[in-house]
C-alpha cells in the first residue's frame, strides 16, 4: 500500500511540475525601475548565461554580446553568442513596439512571432523556436521572463518546453556596457566540459 501511495504522489508531483506558472506581467506593475526594452537594449549589452536541463544539470554556459539600435518603432538586436563548448552563434532580432507596453519580434529561428509585454520592472514574452540540438532541429517553446534590478542588472529566466514538457531552463544576467568598453566586449568562456 505504501508503494502505491508513493507512486500516486510521484505522479501528482510530475503532473504539477508540468503545469506552467500563473504569473502575469501586471503582477509586477508596482515594481521599479520600469523596464522599456528600447531604453535598456539601445547600445551595447553583455550577458552571461547557462542552460540547465530538466534534471538540474548545467549543460552549457555562454557569453552573449548584444548591439541594439532603436528607430522609434523597431528595436534591432544583433547577438553574438560564445559557448563554453567552443561553438558560436549569431542571432538578429527585430522587435516592434506594438503599443505602450506590447512588443512582438522575429528572428530566423522563431516560428511565427514572439509576443510579449512589459509592466513595472518585468517583461514576459513567449514564442516557438527551432532549436539546434546536435545535428537535429527541435521545435520548442519559450516562456521568457526578464526583471530589471535597481543596479541596472537585468535578470532573465526562460523555461523551455518540447511537446508541452519542460526540457530545461535558460538563466541570463545582462548588464549595459559603457562606451569605452564597447569596442572589445566580454572575453569568451573557457571550456568547462559541460
N, C-alpha and C. Protein backbone atom coordinates (compact mmCIF):
# COMPACT_ATOMS: atom_id res chain seq x y z
N UNK A 1 0.82 -1.20 0.00
CA UNK A 1 0.00 0.00 0.00
C UNK A 1 0.86 1.26 0.00
N UNK A 2 1.95 1.21 0.76
CA UNK A 2 2.85 2.36 0.83
C UNK A 2 3.44 2.66 -0.56
N UNK A 3 3.79 1.60 -1.31
CA UNK A 3 4.35 1.79 -2.65
C UNK A 3 3.34 2.45 -3.58
N UNK A 4 2.05 2.09 -3.46
CA UNK A 4 1.01 2.68 -4.29
C UNK A 4 0.87 4.17 -3.98
N UNK A 5 0.87 4.52 -2.68
CA UNK A 5 0.78 5.92 -2.29
C UNK A 5 1.98 6.72 -2.81
N UNK A 6 3.16 6.12 -2.75
CA UNK A 6 4.35 6.78 -3.25
C UNK A 6 4.24 7.03 -4.74
N UNK A 7 3.77 6.03 -5.49
CA UNK A 7 3.62 6.19 -6.94
C UNK A 7 2.60 7.27 -7.27
N UNK A 8 1.49 7.30 -6.53
CA UNK A 8 0.47 8.34 -6.76
C UNK A 8 1.05 9.71 -6.47
N UNK A 9 1.80 9.83 -5.38
CA UNK A 9 2.42 11.11 -5.04
C UNK A 9 3.39 11.57 -6.12
N UNK A 10 4.20 10.63 -6.62
CA UNK A 10 5.14 10.97 -7.68
C UNK A 10 4.42 11.39 -8.95
N UNK A 11 3.31 10.71 -9.27
CA UNK A 11 2.53 11.06 -10.45
C UNK A 11 1.96 12.48 -10.31
N UNK A 12 1.40 12.80 -9.14
CA UNK A 12 0.84 14.14 -8.92
C UNK A 12 1.92 15.21 -8.96
N UNK A 13 3.08 14.91 -8.39
CA UNK A 13 4.18 15.86 -8.43
C UNK A 13 4.63 16.12 -9.87
N UNK A 14 4.72 15.06 -10.68
CA UNK A 14 5.08 15.21 -12.08
C UNK A 14 4.04 16.02 -12.82
N UNK A 15 2.77 15.75 -12.55
CA UNK A 15 1.69 16.47 -13.21
C UNK A 15 1.74 17.96 -12.86
N UNK A 16 1.95 18.27 -11.59
CA UNK A 16 2.02 19.67 -11.17
C UNK A 16 3.24 20.37 -11.75
N UNK A 17 4.36 19.66 -11.85
CA UNK A 17 5.56 20.29 -12.39
C UNK A 17 5.44 20.56 -13.88
N UNK A 18 4.55 19.84 -14.56
CA UNK A 18 4.33 20.07 -15.99
C UNK A 18 3.46 21.30 -16.23
N UNK A 19 2.74 21.75 -15.22
CA UNK A 19 1.88 22.92 -15.38
C UNK A 19 2.73 24.18 -15.41
N UNK A 20 2.27 25.16 -16.13
CA UNK A 20 3.00 26.41 -16.24
C UNK A 20 2.74 27.33 -15.06
N UNK A 21 3.48 28.40 -15.03
CA UNK A 21 3.29 29.39 -14.00
C UNK A 21 2.05 30.23 -14.31
N UNK A 22 1.46 30.80 -13.29
CA UNK A 22 0.31 31.68 -13.47
C UNK A 22 0.72 33.15 -13.39
N UNK A 23 2.02 33.43 -13.39
CA UNK A 23 2.47 34.81 -13.31
C UNK A 23 2.02 35.59 -14.54
N UNK A 24 1.73 36.87 -14.32
CA UNK A 24 1.41 37.79 -15.40
C UNK A 24 2.28 39.03 -15.23
N UNK A 25 2.64 39.70 -16.33
CA UNK A 25 3.45 40.92 -16.18
C UNK A 25 2.83 41.94 -15.25
N UNK A 26 1.50 42.05 -15.26
CA UNK A 26 0.84 43.04 -14.41
C UNK A 26 1.03 42.77 -12.91
N UNK A 27 1.46 41.54 -12.56
CA UNK A 27 1.77 41.25 -11.15
C UNK A 27 2.91 42.13 -10.65
N UNK A 28 3.70 42.70 -11.58
CA UNK A 28 4.89 43.46 -11.22
C UNK A 28 4.74 44.94 -11.54
N UNK A 29 3.50 45.40 -11.72
CA UNK A 29 3.24 46.79 -12.15
C UNK A 29 3.84 47.82 -11.20
N UNK A 30 3.91 47.50 -9.91
CA UNK A 30 4.41 48.48 -8.93
C UNK A 30 5.91 48.38 -8.70
N UNK A 31 6.56 47.42 -9.34
CA UNK A 31 7.99 47.23 -9.12
C UNK A 31 8.80 48.20 -9.97
N UNK A 32 9.84 48.75 -9.40
CA UNK A 32 10.71 49.72 -10.05
C UNK A 32 12.13 49.16 -10.15
N UNK A 33 12.93 49.61 -11.08
CA UNK A 33 12.64 50.62 -12.11
C UNK A 33 11.82 50.04 -13.26
N UNK A 34 11.13 50.93 -13.99
CA UNK A 34 10.35 50.49 -15.15
C UNK A 34 11.29 49.98 -16.24
N UNK A 35 10.89 48.86 -16.85
CA UNK A 35 11.67 48.28 -17.93
C UNK A 35 11.03 48.62 -19.28
N UNK A 36 11.78 49.32 -20.12
CA UNK A 36 11.42 49.59 -21.51
C UNK A 36 12.54 48.99 -22.36
N UNK A 37 12.20 48.03 -23.19
CA UNK A 37 13.22 47.32 -23.95
C UNK A 37 14.07 48.27 -24.79
N UNK A 38 13.41 49.26 -25.42
CA UNK A 38 14.13 50.17 -26.31
C UNK A 38 15.12 51.04 -25.55
N UNK A 39 14.86 51.31 -24.27
CA UNK A 39 15.81 52.08 -23.46
C UNK A 39 16.98 51.20 -23.00
N UNK A 40 16.64 50.00 -22.53
CA UNK A 40 17.68 49.15 -21.95
C UNK A 40 18.64 48.62 -23.01
N UNK A 41 18.12 48.21 -24.16
CA UNK A 41 18.95 47.49 -25.13
C UNK A 41 19.53 48.36 -26.25
N UNK A 42 19.28 49.67 -26.24
CA UNK A 42 19.95 50.53 -27.22
C UNK A 42 21.40 50.70 -26.78
N UNK A 43 22.33 50.47 -27.71
CA UNK A 43 23.75 50.47 -27.38
C UNK A 43 24.24 49.04 -27.19
N UNK A 44 25.29 48.87 -26.42
CA UNK A 44 25.85 47.53 -26.21
C UNK A 44 25.48 46.99 -24.84
N UNK A 45 25.08 45.74 -24.83
CA UNK A 45 24.76 45.00 -23.62
C UNK A 45 25.51 43.68 -23.68
N UNK A 46 25.97 43.21 -22.54
CA UNK A 46 26.59 41.88 -22.48
C UNK A 46 25.86 41.06 -21.43
N UNK A 47 25.85 39.75 -21.65
CA UNK A 47 25.19 38.85 -20.71
C UNK A 47 26.00 37.58 -20.56
N UNK A 48 25.92 37.00 -19.39
CA UNK A 48 26.45 35.66 -19.16
C UNK A 48 25.26 34.78 -18.80
N UNK A 49 25.31 33.53 -19.25
CA UNK A 49 24.18 32.67 -19.01
C UNK A 49 24.56 31.21 -19.00
N UNK A 50 23.55 30.40 -18.72
CA UNK A 50 23.73 28.95 -18.75
C UNK A 50 22.41 28.28 -19.07
N UNK A 51 22.51 27.05 -19.57
CA UNK A 51 21.34 26.22 -19.81
C UNK A 51 21.38 25.05 -18.84
N UNK A 52 20.29 24.88 -18.09
CA UNK A 52 20.15 23.80 -17.12
C UNK A 52 19.07 22.85 -17.62
N UNK A 53 19.37 21.56 -17.70
CA UNK A 53 18.37 20.61 -18.18
C UNK A 53 17.31 20.35 -17.10
N UNK A 54 16.30 19.57 -17.44
CA UNK A 54 15.17 19.37 -16.52
C UNK A 54 15.57 18.63 -15.25
N UNK A 55 16.75 18.02 -15.24
CA UNK A 55 17.23 17.30 -14.05
C UNK A 55 18.12 18.18 -13.17
N UNK A 56 18.33 19.44 -13.59
CA UNK A 56 19.15 20.36 -12.80
C UNK A 56 20.62 20.34 -13.17
N UNK A 57 20.99 19.66 -14.26
CA UNK A 57 22.38 19.61 -14.70
C UNK A 57 22.68 20.78 -15.64
N UNK A 58 23.78 21.49 -15.39
CA UNK A 58 24.19 22.57 -16.28
C UNK A 58 24.83 21.94 -17.51
N UNK A 59 24.24 22.18 -18.69
CA UNK A 59 24.67 21.57 -19.94
C UNK A 59 25.58 22.46 -20.76
N UNK A 60 25.42 23.77 -20.64
CA UNK A 60 26.27 24.69 -21.40
C UNK A 60 26.23 26.06 -20.72
N UNK A 61 27.32 26.79 -20.88
CA UNK A 61 27.40 28.16 -20.40
C UNK A 61 27.79 29.03 -21.58
N UNK A 62 27.48 30.32 -21.50
CA UNK A 62 27.76 31.17 -22.65
C UNK A 62 27.87 32.63 -22.25
N UNK A 63 28.47 33.40 -23.16
CA UNK A 63 28.52 34.85 -23.09
C UNK A 63 27.88 35.36 -24.37
N UNK A 64 27.07 36.40 -24.26
CA UNK A 64 26.47 37.00 -25.46
C UNK A 64 26.70 38.50 -25.43
N UNK A 65 27.15 39.02 -26.57
CA UNK A 65 27.33 40.46 -26.77
C UNK A 65 26.21 40.94 -27.68
N UNK A 66 25.49 41.97 -27.25
CA UNK A 66 24.31 42.44 -27.98
C UNK A 66 24.49 43.91 -28.34
N UNK A 67 24.34 44.21 -29.62
CA UNK A 67 24.35 45.59 -30.09
C UNK A 67 22.95 45.94 -30.55
N UNK A 68 22.37 47.00 -29.94
CA UNK A 68 20.99 47.35 -30.22
C UNK A 68 20.83 48.74 -30.79
N UNK A 69 19.92 48.88 -31.76
CA UNK A 69 19.56 50.18 -32.32
C UNK A 69 18.05 50.32 -32.31
N UNK A 70 17.58 51.55 -32.11
CA UNK A 70 16.15 51.85 -31.98
C UNK A 70 15.81 53.00 -32.91
N UNK A 71 14.81 52.82 -33.79
CA UNK A 71 14.45 53.87 -34.75
C UNK A 71 13.14 54.56 -34.41
N UNK A 72 12.63 54.33 -33.21
CA UNK A 72 11.36 54.92 -32.81
C UNK A 72 10.20 53.94 -32.86
N UNK A 73 10.37 52.84 -33.57
CA UNK A 73 9.34 51.79 -33.62
C UNK A 73 9.92 50.40 -33.54
N UNK A 74 11.11 50.19 -34.15
CA UNK A 74 11.70 48.85 -34.21
C UNK A 74 13.06 48.85 -33.51
N UNK A 75 13.24 47.85 -32.65
CA UNK A 75 14.50 47.62 -31.96
C UNK A 75 15.21 46.47 -32.67
N UNK A 76 16.40 46.73 -33.18
CA UNK A 76 17.21 45.69 -33.82
C UNK A 76 18.28 45.25 -32.82
N UNK A 77 18.33 43.96 -32.54
CA UNK A 77 19.35 43.40 -31.65
C UNK A 77 20.22 42.44 -32.44
N UNK A 78 21.53 42.69 -32.45
CA UNK A 78 22.49 41.79 -33.07
C UNK A 78 23.24 41.08 -31.95
N UNK A 79 23.03 39.78 -31.85
CA UNK A 79 23.53 39.00 -30.71
C UNK A 79 24.62 38.03 -31.17
N UNK A 80 25.77 38.11 -30.54
CA UNK A 80 26.88 37.18 -30.79
C UNK A 80 27.08 36.31 -29.55
N UNK A 81 26.86 35.00 -29.71
CA UNK A 81 26.98 34.05 -28.62
C UNK A 81 28.32 33.33 -28.71
N UNK A 82 28.99 33.16 -27.57
CA UNK A 82 30.19 32.34 -27.46
C UNK A 82 29.93 31.32 -26.34
N UNK A 83 29.90 30.04 -26.70
CA UNK A 83 29.54 28.97 -25.77
C UNK A 83 30.79 28.32 -25.19
N UNK A 84 30.63 27.74 -23.98
CA UNK A 84 31.76 27.11 -23.30
C UNK A 84 32.23 25.85 -24.01
N UNK A 85 31.42 25.29 -24.90
CA UNK A 85 31.86 24.10 -25.65
C UNK A 85 32.64 24.47 -26.90
N UNK A 86 32.92 25.78 -27.08
CA UNK A 86 33.72 26.23 -28.20
C UNK A 86 32.92 26.66 -29.42
N UNK A 87 31.62 26.48 -29.41
CA UNK A 87 30.79 26.88 -30.56
C UNK A 87 30.37 28.34 -30.42
N UNK A 88 29.91 28.91 -31.52
CA UNK A 88 29.43 30.28 -31.51
C UNK A 88 28.16 30.35 -32.36
N UNK A 89 27.44 31.45 -32.21
CA UNK A 89 26.17 31.62 -32.93
C UNK A 89 25.87 33.10 -33.05
N UNK A 90 25.26 33.49 -34.16
CA UNK A 90 24.79 34.86 -34.34
C UNK A 90 23.28 34.84 -34.49
N UNK A 91 22.61 35.79 -33.87
CA UNK A 91 21.16 35.92 -33.99
C UNK A 91 20.81 37.39 -34.13
N UNK A 92 19.86 37.70 -35.03
CA UNK A 92 19.40 39.07 -35.24
C UNK A 92 17.90 39.14 -34.96
N UNK A 93 17.53 39.92 -33.96
CA UNK A 93 16.12 40.13 -33.62
C UNK A 93 15.63 41.45 -34.19
N UNK A 94 14.41 41.46 -34.68
CA UNK A 94 13.68 42.68 -34.99
C UNK A 94 12.46 42.71 -34.08
N UNK A 95 12.45 43.67 -33.16
CA UNK A 95 11.39 43.75 -32.15
C UNK A 95 10.62 45.05 -32.37
N UNK A 96 9.33 44.92 -32.62
CA UNK A 96 8.47 46.07 -32.90
C UNK A 96 7.68 46.41 -31.65
N UNK A 97 7.61 47.71 -31.34
CA UNK A 97 6.79 48.15 -30.23
C UNK A 97 5.37 48.35 -30.76
N UNK A 98 4.45 47.49 -30.34
CA UNK A 98 3.08 47.47 -30.86
C UNK A 98 2.13 48.35 -30.05
N UNK A 99 2.56 48.82 -28.90
CA UNK A 99 1.72 49.64 -28.02
C UNK A 99 2.58 50.11 -26.87
N UNK A 100 1.97 50.77 -25.91
CA UNK A 100 2.72 51.32 -24.78
C UNK A 100 3.58 50.26 -24.10
N UNK A 101 3.02 49.06 -23.90
CA UNK A 101 3.74 48.01 -23.20
C UNK A 101 3.80 46.70 -23.98
N UNK A 102 3.43 46.72 -25.25
CA UNK A 102 3.34 45.50 -26.05
C UNK A 102 4.44 45.46 -27.10
N UNK A 103 5.02 44.27 -27.28
CA UNK A 103 6.09 44.07 -28.24
C UNK A 103 5.85 42.78 -29.01
N UNK A 104 6.37 42.73 -30.24
CA UNK A 104 6.41 41.48 -30.99
C UNK A 104 7.74 41.43 -31.72
N UNK A 105 8.23 40.23 -31.97
CA UNK A 105 9.56 40.13 -32.56
C UNK A 105 9.72 38.92 -33.44
N UNK A 106 10.70 39.04 -34.34
CA UNK A 106 11.06 37.92 -35.21
C UNK A 106 12.57 37.76 -35.22
N UNK A 107 13.00 36.54 -35.42
CA UNK A 107 14.37 36.19 -35.72
C UNK A 107 14.29 34.92 -36.55
N UNK A 108 15.39 34.54 -37.17
CA UNK A 108 15.35 33.44 -38.12
C UNK A 108 14.78 32.15 -37.52
N UNK A 109 15.11 31.85 -36.28
CA UNK A 109 14.71 30.58 -35.68
C UNK A 109 13.30 30.59 -35.07
N UNK A 110 12.72 31.78 -34.91
CA UNK A 110 11.38 31.86 -34.31
C UNK A 110 10.33 31.44 -35.32
N UNK A 111 9.37 30.64 -34.85
CA UNK A 111 8.26 30.20 -35.69
C UNK A 111 7.12 31.18 -35.46
N UNK A 112 6.72 31.91 -36.51
CA UNK A 112 5.72 32.96 -36.35
C UNK A 112 6.36 34.18 -35.71
N UNK A 113 5.71 34.73 -34.67
CA UNK A 113 6.23 35.90 -33.98
C UNK A 113 6.27 35.65 -32.48
N UNK A 114 7.28 36.22 -31.84
CA UNK A 114 7.32 36.28 -30.39
C UNK A 114 6.44 37.45 -29.96
N UNK A 115 5.64 37.26 -28.93
CA UNK A 115 4.78 38.34 -28.44
C UNK A 115 4.95 38.46 -26.94
N UNK A 116 4.90 39.73 -26.46
CA UNK A 116 5.07 39.93 -25.03
C UNK A 116 4.72 41.32 -24.59
N UNK A 117 4.84 41.54 -23.28
CA UNK A 117 4.53 42.85 -22.72
C UNK A 117 5.39 43.13 -21.50
N UNK A 118 5.55 44.42 -21.23
CA UNK A 118 6.23 44.88 -20.04
C UNK A 118 5.20 45.41 -19.05
N UNK A 119 5.56 45.38 -17.78
CA UNK A 119 4.78 46.01 -16.72
C UNK A 119 5.71 46.18 -15.53
N UNK A 120 5.84 47.40 -15.05
CA UNK A 120 6.78 47.65 -13.96
C UNK A 120 8.19 47.28 -14.40
N UNK A 121 8.87 46.46 -13.59
CA UNK A 121 10.24 46.08 -13.92
C UNK A 121 10.32 44.76 -14.69
N UNK A 122 9.16 44.24 -15.13
CA UNK A 122 9.12 42.90 -15.72
C UNK A 122 8.77 42.94 -17.20
N UNK A 123 9.28 41.94 -17.92
CA UNK A 123 8.92 41.69 -19.31
C UNK A 123 8.74 40.20 -19.48
N UNK A 124 7.65 39.81 -20.13
CA UNK A 124 7.41 38.40 -20.45
C UNK A 124 7.07 38.28 -21.91
N UNK A 125 7.76 37.36 -22.58
CA UNK A 125 7.30 37.03 -23.92
C UNK A 125 7.44 35.55 -24.17
N UNK A 126 6.62 35.10 -25.13
CA UNK A 126 6.51 33.68 -25.41
C UNK A 126 6.60 33.46 -26.91
N UNK A 127 7.23 32.35 -27.27
CA UNK A 127 7.41 32.06 -28.69
C UNK A 127 7.82 30.61 -28.89
N UNK A 128 7.56 30.13 -30.12
CA UNK A 128 8.05 28.82 -30.56
C UNK A 128 9.34 29.04 -31.33
N UNK A 129 10.25 28.07 -31.24
CA UNK A 129 11.61 28.29 -31.70
C UNK A 129 12.19 26.99 -32.25
N UNK A 130 12.90 27.08 -33.38
CA UNK A 130 13.63 25.93 -33.92
C UNK A 130 15.02 25.89 -33.29
N UNK A 131 15.20 24.99 -32.32
CA UNK A 131 16.43 24.90 -31.53
C UNK A 131 17.33 23.82 -32.10
N UNK A 132 18.58 24.18 -32.38
CA UNK A 132 19.54 23.20 -32.86
C UNK A 132 20.06 22.38 -31.68
N UNK A 133 19.89 21.08 -31.75
CA UNK A 133 20.36 20.15 -30.72
C UNK A 133 21.18 19.08 -31.42
N UNK A 134 22.50 19.19 -31.32
CA UNK A 134 23.36 18.28 -32.08
C UNK A 134 23.14 18.51 -33.56
N UNK A 135 22.83 17.44 -34.28
CA UNK A 135 22.55 17.54 -35.71
C UNK A 135 21.06 17.70 -36.00
N UNK A 136 20.25 17.76 -34.96
CA UNK A 136 18.79 17.84 -35.13
C UNK A 136 18.29 19.26 -34.88
N UNK A 137 17.06 19.52 -35.32
CA UNK A 137 16.35 20.75 -35.01
C UNK A 137 15.09 20.36 -34.24
N UNK A 138 14.94 20.88 -33.04
CA UNK A 138 13.76 20.61 -32.22
C UNK A 138 12.87 21.84 -32.21
N UNK A 139 11.57 21.64 -32.37
CA UNK A 139 10.62 22.72 -32.16
C UNK A 139 10.32 22.79 -30.67
N UNK A 140 10.67 23.92 -30.06
CA UNK A 140 10.47 24.10 -28.62
C UNK A 140 9.70 25.40 -28.40
N UNK A 141 9.17 25.56 -27.20
CA UNK A 141 8.50 26.81 -26.83
C UNK A 141 9.24 27.44 -25.66
N UNK A 142 9.32 28.77 -25.70
CA UNK A 142 9.98 29.55 -24.65
C UNK A 142 8.95 30.38 -23.90
N UNK A 143 9.02 30.35 -22.58
CA UNK A 143 8.29 31.28 -21.71
C UNK A 143 9.39 32.09 -21.01
N UNK A 144 9.61 33.31 -21.50
CA UNK A 144 10.80 34.10 -21.22
C UNK A 144 10.44 35.28 -20.32
N UNK A 145 11.07 35.37 -19.15
CA UNK A 145 10.83 36.45 -18.19
C UNK A 145 12.10 37.23 -17.94
N UNK A 146 11.99 38.57 -17.91
CA UNK A 146 13.11 39.44 -17.57
C UNK A 146 12.68 40.39 -16.44
N UNK A 147 13.62 40.69 -15.54
CA UNK A 147 13.34 41.56 -14.40
C UNK A 147 14.50 42.55 -14.22
N UNK A 148 14.21 43.84 -14.37
CA UNK A 148 15.22 44.89 -14.22
C UNK A 148 15.42 45.21 -12.75
N UNK A 149 16.68 45.17 -12.31
CA UNK A 149 17.03 45.43 -10.92
C UNK A 149 17.46 46.88 -10.73
N UNK A 150 17.39 47.41 -9.50
CA UNK A 150 17.75 48.81 -9.25
C UNK A 150 19.18 49.17 -9.66
N UNK A 151 20.12 48.19 -9.65
CA UNK A 151 21.50 48.50 -10.03
C UNK A 151 21.73 48.43 -11.54
N UNK A 152 20.66 48.20 -12.32
CA UNK A 152 20.78 48.13 -13.77
C UNK A 152 20.97 46.73 -14.32
N UNK A 153 21.16 45.75 -13.45
CA UNK A 153 21.25 44.36 -13.91
C UNK A 153 19.87 43.90 -14.38
N UNK A 154 19.84 43.19 -15.49
CA UNK A 154 18.59 42.61 -16.00
C UNK A 154 18.70 41.10 -15.88
N UNK A 155 17.84 40.51 -15.04
CA UNK A 155 17.85 39.06 -14.82
C UNK A 155 16.83 38.42 -15.74
N UNK A 156 17.19 37.28 -16.32
CA UNK A 156 16.36 36.60 -17.31
C UNK A 156 16.27 35.11 -16.96
N UNK A 157 15.05 34.61 -16.97
CA UNK A 157 14.81 33.18 -16.78
C UNK A 157 13.83 32.73 -17.85
N UNK A 158 14.22 31.76 -18.65
CA UNK A 158 13.36 31.27 -19.73
C UNK A 158 13.15 29.77 -19.56
N UNK A 159 11.90 29.36 -19.47
CA UNK A 159 11.55 27.95 -19.41
C UNK A 159 11.37 27.44 -20.83
N UNK A 160 12.02 26.31 -21.13
CA UNK A 160 11.98 25.73 -22.47
C UNK A 160 11.20 24.42 -22.40
N UNK A 161 10.20 24.29 -23.30
CA UNK A 161 9.39 23.08 -23.33
C UNK A 161 9.38 22.48 -24.73
N UNK A 162 9.23 21.16 -24.77
CA UNK A 162 9.04 20.44 -26.02
C UNK A 162 7.88 19.48 -25.83
N UNK A 163 6.93 19.53 -26.75
CA UNK A 163 5.71 18.72 -26.67
C UNK A 163 4.97 18.97 -25.35
N UNK A 164 5.10 20.18 -24.81
CA UNK A 164 4.41 20.53 -23.58
C UNK A 164 5.14 20.17 -22.30
N UNK A 165 6.29 19.51 -22.41
CA UNK A 165 7.06 19.09 -21.24
C UNK A 165 8.33 19.93 -21.12
N UNK A 166 8.63 20.33 -19.91
CA UNK A 166 9.82 21.14 -19.67
C UNK A 166 11.07 20.32 -19.96
N UNK A 167 11.97 20.89 -20.79
CA UNK A 167 13.24 20.22 -21.05
C UNK A 167 14.41 20.96 -20.41
N UNK A 168 14.18 22.20 -19.98
CA UNK A 168 15.26 22.92 -19.34
C UNK A 168 14.93 24.38 -19.09
N UNK A 169 15.91 25.07 -18.53
CA UNK A 169 15.77 26.48 -18.18
C UNK A 169 17.03 27.22 -18.57
N UNK A 170 16.85 28.40 -19.18
CA UNK A 170 17.97 29.28 -19.50
C UNK A 170 17.99 30.41 -18.47
N UNK A 171 19.15 30.67 -17.90
CA UNK A 171 19.34 31.77 -16.96
C UNK A 171 20.36 32.74 -17.56
N UNK A 172 20.04 34.04 -17.49
CA UNK A 172 20.95 35.07 -18.01
C UNK A 172 21.00 36.25 -17.06
N UNK A 173 22.14 36.92 -17.05
CA UNK A 173 22.29 38.18 -16.34
C UNK A 173 22.90 39.19 -17.31
N UNK A 174 22.13 40.26 -17.61
CA UNK A 174 22.56 41.29 -18.56
C UNK A 174 23.11 42.51 -17.82
N UNK A 175 24.06 43.18 -18.47
CA UNK A 175 24.50 44.49 -17.99
C UNK A 175 24.84 45.34 -19.20
N UNK A 176 24.57 46.62 -19.06
CA UNK A 176 24.92 47.56 -20.13
C UNK A 176 26.40 47.86 -20.07
N UNK A 177 27.00 48.11 -21.23
CA UNK A 177 28.44 48.33 -21.32
C UNK A 177 28.70 49.79 -21.63
N UNK A 178 29.62 50.40 -20.88
CA UNK A 178 30.00 51.79 -21.12
C UNK A 178 30.66 51.92 -22.49
N UNK A 179 30.59 53.11 -23.08
CA UNK A 179 31.12 53.33 -24.42
C UNK A 179 32.58 52.90 -24.57
N UNK A 180 33.39 53.16 -23.56
CA UNK A 180 34.81 52.85 -23.68
C UNK A 180 35.07 51.34 -23.68
N UNK A 181 34.12 50.56 -23.13
CA UNK A 181 34.27 49.11 -23.10
C UNK A 181 33.62 48.44 -24.30
N UNK A 182 32.82 49.18 -25.07
CA UNK A 182 32.01 48.57 -26.12
C UNK A 182 32.83 48.00 -27.26
N UNK A 183 34.04 48.53 -27.48
CA UNK A 183 34.83 48.07 -28.62
C UNK A 183 35.31 46.63 -28.45
N UNK A 184 35.58 46.22 -27.22
CA UNK A 184 36.14 44.90 -27.02
C UNK A 184 35.10 43.87 -26.60
N UNK A 185 34.13 44.25 -25.79
CA UNK A 185 33.14 43.29 -25.33
C UNK A 185 33.74 42.31 -24.33
N UNK A 186 32.99 41.31 -23.92
CA UNK A 186 33.44 40.38 -22.90
C UNK A 186 34.37 39.32 -23.47
N UNK A 187 35.20 38.74 -22.62
CA UNK A 187 36.04 37.62 -23.03
C UNK A 187 35.17 36.37 -23.12
N UNK A 188 35.47 35.47 -24.07
CA UNK A 188 34.68 34.24 -24.17
C UNK A 188 34.97 33.33 -22.98
N UNK A 189 34.01 32.46 -22.69
CA UNK A 189 34.18 31.50 -21.61
C UNK A 189 35.16 30.41 -22.02
N UNK A 190 35.93 29.95 -21.05
CA UNK A 190 36.78 28.79 -21.30
C UNK A 190 35.93 27.54 -21.26
N UNK A 191 36.35 26.52 -21.97
CA UNK A 191 35.61 25.25 -21.97
C UNK A 191 35.59 24.67 -20.57
N UNK A 192 34.41 24.14 -20.17
CA UNK A 192 34.26 23.60 -18.83
C UNK A 192 34.00 22.10 -18.83
N UNK A 193 33.79 21.55 -20.01
CA UNK A 193 33.47 20.13 -20.08
C UNK A 193 32.02 19.84 -19.87
N UNK A 194 31.17 20.90 -19.74
CA UNK A 194 29.73 20.69 -19.55
C UNK A 194 29.11 20.18 -20.81
